[in-house]
Amino acid sequence: SMFNANCTNIVLLNYMKRACGYPELETVDLISSNLTEKNLQPLQLYTKPGEYTQSDVTARGTYVLLKVEEDEGGVKVYTPLLESEDGKKLRAVLENKANDDRKRLGLGKGAKK
């Protein structure tokens, strides 16, 4: 679906949650769908709710909605809400990032809340 990014982050994320069928999720974020992008990272829009989204996204860019959770060690765990082959690839990239963060913090692999 297409969304207008000319609004604050909280307005866009809340609208996207409802429009995509995930109104019950507490925290969501976006990530570029370009898996070849170097340093692929979630945008962390949820950490700056009052800022305007257009300053963090590329015009006509393609992004994937993410569920955001925190494990026992405080590591952010991002899960793509895209059910496709690209969603599976993105999930693997994000799981590796979370595992790297856990190692960096001296926590066990896969420590979940």
C-alpha atoms as a PDB file:
ATOM      1  CA  SER A   1       0.000   0.000   0.000  1.00  0.00           C
ATOM      2  CA  MET A   2       1.009   3.598  -0.456  1.00  0.00           C
ATOM      3  CA  PHE A   3       1.126   6.000   2.476  1.00  0.00           C
ATOM      4  CA  ASN A   4       1.647   9.752   2.712  1.00  0.00           C
ATOM      5  CA  ALA A   5       4.764  10.554   4.748  1.00  0.00           C
ATOM      6  CA  ASN A   6       3.847  14.238   5.134  1.00  0.00           C
ATOM      7  CA  CYS A   7       2.909  13.800   8.807  1.00  0.00           C
ATOM      8  CA  THR A   8       4.523  13.041  12.142  1.00  0.00           C
ATOM      9  CA  ASN A   9       6.002   9.608  12.760  1.00  0.00           C
ATOM     10  CA  ILE A  10       3.394   8.636  15.371  1.00  0.00           C
ATOM     11  CA  VAL A  11       0.508   9.505  13.033  1.00  0.00           C
ATOM     12  CA  LEU A  12       1.993   7.485  10.158  1.00  0.00           C
ATOM     13  CA  LEU A  13       2.908   4.455  12.282  1.00  0.00           C
ATOM     14  CA  ASN A  14      -0.505   4.333  13.970  1.00  0.00           C
ATOM     15  CA  TYR A  15      -2.261   4.670  10.627  1.00  0.00           C
ATOM     16  CA  MET A  16      -0.099   1.936   9.082  1.00  0.00           C
ATOM     17  CA  LYS A  17      -0.801  -0.426  12.000  1.00  0.00           C
ATOM     18  CA  ARG A  18      -4.548  -0.077  11.468  1.00  0.00           C
ATOM     19  CA  ALA A  19      -4.397  -0.134   7.654  1.00  0.00           C
ATOM     20  CA  CYS A  20      -2.204  -3.251   7.601  1.00  0.00           C
ATOM     21  CA  GLY A  21      -4.292  -5.117  10.181  1.00  0.00           C
ATOM     22  CA  TYR A  22      -2.020  -4.860  13.238  1.00  0.00           C
ATOM     23  CA  PRO A  23      -3.832  -2.382  15.546  1.00  0.00           C
ATOM     24  CA  GLU A  24      -2.984  -4.483  18.622  1.00  0.00           C
ATOM     25  CA  LEU A  25       0.775  -4.075  18.254  1.00  0.00           C
ATOM     26  CA  GLU A  26       2.258  -1.648  20.712  1.00  0.00           C
ATOM     27  CA  THR A  27       5.377  -0.628  18.798  1.00  0.00           C
ATOM     28  CA  VAL A  28       6.104  -0.762  15.070  1.00  0.00           C
ATOM     29  CA  ASP A  29       8.765   0.733  12.833  1.00  0.00           C
ATOM     30  CA  LEU A  30       9.835   0.801   9.190  1.00  0.00           C
ATOM     31  CA  ILE A  31      12.847  -0.504   7.311  1.00  0.00           C
ATOM     32  CA  SER A  32      13.861  -0.155   3.686  1.00  0.00           C
ATOM     33  CA  SER A  33      12.856  -3.132   1.553  1.00  0.00           C
ATOM     34  CA  ASN A  34      16.147  -2.808  -0.365  1.00  0.00           C
ATOM     35  CA  LEU A  35      18.037  -5.841   0.939  1.00  0.00           C
ATOM     36  CA  THR A  36      21.187  -4.820  -0.934  1.00  0.00           C
ATOM     37  CA  GLU A  37      21.409  -1.531   0.984  1.00  0.00           C
ATOM     38  CA  LYS A  38      24.611  -1.299   2.971  1.00  0.00           C
ATOM     39  CA  ASN A  39      24.030  -0.947   6.729  1.00  0.00           C
ATOM     40  CA  LEU A  40      20.352  -1.870   6.466  1.00  0.00           C
ATOM     41  CA  GLN A  41      18.793  -0.580   9.709  1.00  0.00           C
ATOM     42  CA  PRO A  42      15.287   0.060  11.037  1.00  0.00           C
ATOM     43  CA  LEU A  43      14.418   3.772  10.815  1.00  0.00           C
ATOM     44  CA  GLN A  44      13.516   3.941  14.537  1.00  0.00           C
ATOM     45  CA  LEU A  45      10.646   6.316  13.835  1.00  0.00           C
ATOM     46  CA  TYR A  46       8.955   5.219  17.066  1.00  0.00           C
ATOM     47  CA  THR A  47      11.789   6.861  19.056  1.00  0.00           C
ATOM     48  CA  LYS A  48      10.970  10.295  17.612  1.00  0.00           C
ATOM     49  CA  PRO A  49       7.160  10.415  17.465  1.00  0.00           C
ATOM     50  CA  GLY A  50       6.822  14.184  17.004  1.00  0.00           C
ATOM     51  CA  GLU A  51       9.210  14.488  14.061  1.00  0.00           C
ATOM     52  CA  TYR A  52       8.020  14.496  10.465  1.00  0.00           C
ATOM     53  CA  THR A  53       8.453  11.208   8.633  1.00  0.00           C
ATOM     54  CA  GLN A  54       9.467  12.757   5.331  1.00  0.00           C
ATOM     55  CA  SER A  55      12.866  13.673   6.799  1.00  0.00           C
ATOM     56  CA  ASP A  56      13.644   9.945   7.348  1.00  0.00           C
ATOM     57  CA  VAL A  57      12.255   8.331   4.206  1.00  0.00           C
ATOM     58  CA  THR A  58      13.039   8.582   0.527  1.00  0.00           C
ATOM     59  CA  ALA A  59      10.306   9.871  -1.762  1.00  0.00           C
ATOM     60  CA  ARG A  60       8.650   6.904  -3.468  1.00  0.00           C
ATOM     61  CA  GLY A  61      10.764   4.567  -1.367  1.00  0.00           C
ATOM     62  CA  THR A  62       9.554   1.106  -0.442  1.00  0.00           C
ATOM     63  CA  TYR A  63       9.532   0.159   3.236  1.00  0.00           C
ATOM     64  CA  VAL A  64       8.465  -2.818   5.324  1.00  0.00           C
ATOM     65  CA  LEU A  65       6.464  -2.554   8.543  1.00  0.00           C
ATOM     66  CA  LEU A  66       8.262  -4.103  11.536  1.00  0.00           C
ATOM     67  CA  LYS A  67       7.044  -5.310  14.922  1.00  0.00           C
ATOM     68  CA  VAL A  68       9.371  -4.009  17.656  1.00  0.00           C
ATOM     69  CA  GLU A  69       9.973  -5.955  20.867  1.00  0.00           C
ATOM     70  CA  GLU A  70      12.640  -5.947  23.544  1.00  0.00           C
ATOM     71  CA  ASP A  71      14.190  -9.151  24.863  1.00  0.00           C
ATOM     72  CA  GLU A  72      15.273  -9.847  28.458  1.00  0.00           C
ATOM     73  CA  GLY A  73      18.646  -8.238  27.891  1.00  0.00           C
ATOM     74  CA  GLY A  74      17.157  -5.035  26.513  1.00  0.00           C
ATOM     75  CA  VAL A  75      18.060  -5.819  22.886  1.00  0.00           C
ATOM     76  CA  LYS A  76      15.536  -4.531  20.342  1.00  0.00           C
ATOM     77  CA  VAL A  77      14.138  -7.368  18.248  1.00  0.00           C
ATOM     78  CA  TYR A  78      12.581  -6.370  14.916  1.00  0.00           C
ATOM     79  CA  THR A  79      10.242  -8.755  13.072  1.00  0.00           C
ATOM     80  CA  PRO A  80       9.093  -7.916   9.532  1.00  0.00           C
ATOM     81  CA  LEU A  81       5.337  -8.071   9.032  1.00  0.00           C
ATOM     82  CA  LEU A  82       5.764  -9.101   5.398  1.00  0.00           C
ATOM     83  CA  GLU A  83       4.794 -12.638   4.437  1.00  0.00           C
ATOM     84  CA  SER A  84       6.894 -13.248   1.331  1.00  0.00           C
ATOM     85  CA  GLU A  85      10.306 -14.479   0.306  1.00  0.00           C
ATOM     86  CA  ASP A  86      11.727 -10.971   0.833  1.00  0.00           C
ATOM     87  CA  GLY A  87      10.143 -10.931   4.286  1.00  0.00           C
ATOM     88  CA  LYS A  88      11.953 -14.167   5.146  1.00  0.00           C
ATOM     89  CA  LYS A  89      15.270 -12.754   3.928  1.00  0.00           C
ATOM     90  CA  LEU A  90      14.738  -9.552   5.893  1.00  0.00           C
ATOM     91  CA  ARG A  91      13.829 -11.581   8.991  1.00  0.00           C
ATOM     92  CA  ALA A  92      17.178 -13.430   8.740  1.00  0.00           C
ATOM     93  CA  VAL A  93      19.103 -10.146   8.400  1.00  0.00           C
ATOM     94  CA  LEU A  94      17.349  -8.684  11.452  1.00  0.00           C
ATOM     95  CA  GLU A  95      17.814 -11.855  13.529  1.00  0.00           C
ATOM     96  CA  ASN A  96      21.556 -11.761  12.783  1.00  0.00           C
ATOM     97  CA  LYS A  97      21.659  -8.115  13.858  1.00  0.00           C
ATOM     98  CA  ALA A  98      19.887  -8.913  17.148  1.00  0.00           C
ATOM     99  CA  ASN A  99      22.282 -11.802  17.789  1.00  0.00           C
ATOM    100  CA  ASP A 100      25.253  -9.509  17.104  1.00  0.00           C
ATOM    101  CA  ASP A 101      23.815  -6.976  19.570  1.00  0.00           C
ATOM    102  CA  ARG A 102      23.404  -9.707  22.193  1.00  0.00           C
ATOM    103  CA  LYS A 103      27.022 -10.846  21.703  1.00  0.00           C
ATOM    104  CA  ARG A 104      28.218  -7.251  21.972  1.00  0.00           C
ATOM    105  CA  LEU A 105      26.320  -6.915  25.263  1.00  0.00           C
ATOM    106  CA  GLY A 106      27.521 -10.323  26.544  1.00  0.00           C
ATOM    107  CA  LEU A 107      24.028 -11.846  26.502  1.00  0.00           C
ATOM    108  CA  GLY A 108      22.986 -15.323  25.404  1.00  0.00           C
ATOM    109  CA  LYS A 109      21.708 -15.977  21.893  1.00  0.00           C
ATOM    110  CA  GLY A 110      17.946 -15.663  21.544  1.00  0.00           C
ATOM    111  CA  ALA A 111      17.219 -14.349  25.068  1.00  0.00           C
ATOM    112  CA  LYS A 112      13.568 -13.391  24.735  1.00  0.00           C
ATOM    113  CA  LYS A 113      11.125 -11.755  27.071  1.00  0.00           C
END
